[in-house]
Amino acid sequence: MLHDSGKTFIDIAAQIGVDHRTVAKWIKTDFLPHRRRLALKPSSPLYFKDFLARRWAEGDRVGRRLFHDVRYRGYTGSFSNLERLLSTWRADSWAGTQPQQQFSKPIEEGPAVDPATGWQISPVVAASLCMKPTRLLTPSETAKVAVLKKASPSFVVMRQLAMRFRGILRGEDPNELNCWLHDARHSGVRSMQQFARTLSRDIEAVRNAIAEPWNSGQAEGQINRLKTFKRAMYGRAGIELLRARMLPFESAICT
């Protein structure tokens, strides 16, 4: 059509973004040639698409585990590149399992005003109160929780799920986690649905954290201690003083 309107090869090439010699070749043919696709390489996750799709259908949807499997089969790409492919599959499967209520009209929620100050309760305060057990609430915090429950139906659902999840983590029965995940997915609260989806990606680690007595508290505490020392000494001391403050004295070790 462009050529029939009187435009030259150069004008057509500038308009569609190809070389003018390519335009001349296309005009001489009766139909456009098929686009040649580059051959897939082991650095692309699509090279292992059939294997990944089979494992995905079998229920294995943990990214790290799939990454190790394809690396064993010759995958040379990065984990983030694989995650981009898996994220599209997760989005498709997640969209197909969502309840119909998420497409309904949002619940009307009014502002929650602190009865003591008259100011609106901030999201940070509401988040901290959502996770705090009733027995640990002060009288003023109890009043704020009552106001939040009255003003926000979502807060009621989130607090119930948060308290249940807190009890599961402090208990020793990981079987209760399945029921909690089901309720969180069908809660209608988007943040809780996303949290349940994140837990499901590495569900075995969550189960082990509930059932096993070990944790990484000591390691995390030492890391936090080291970072505190570094920030306090930044620009004023070197590695020798940091080593002296971080490591125990030899005399203490001997005794």
Foldseek 3Di string as FASTA:
>chain_A
DCVVVPDALVVVCVVVVHDSVVVVVCVVDPHDDDDDDDDDDLQAVVVCVVVVVVVVVVPQLQLVVVVVVSVVVPRDHDSVNVVVVSVVVVVVVLVVPADPVLVDDDDQFDFQAQPVPRHTDDPVLLVVLLQDDPVPDDPSSVSSLVSCVVRDVVSVLSSVLNVVVVVQLPAADLVVVVVSLVCQRHVSDVVSVVVSVVCVNPVVVVNCSRHPPDDCVVVVVLVVVLVVVCVVCPPPDDDVVSCPVNDDDPVVVVD
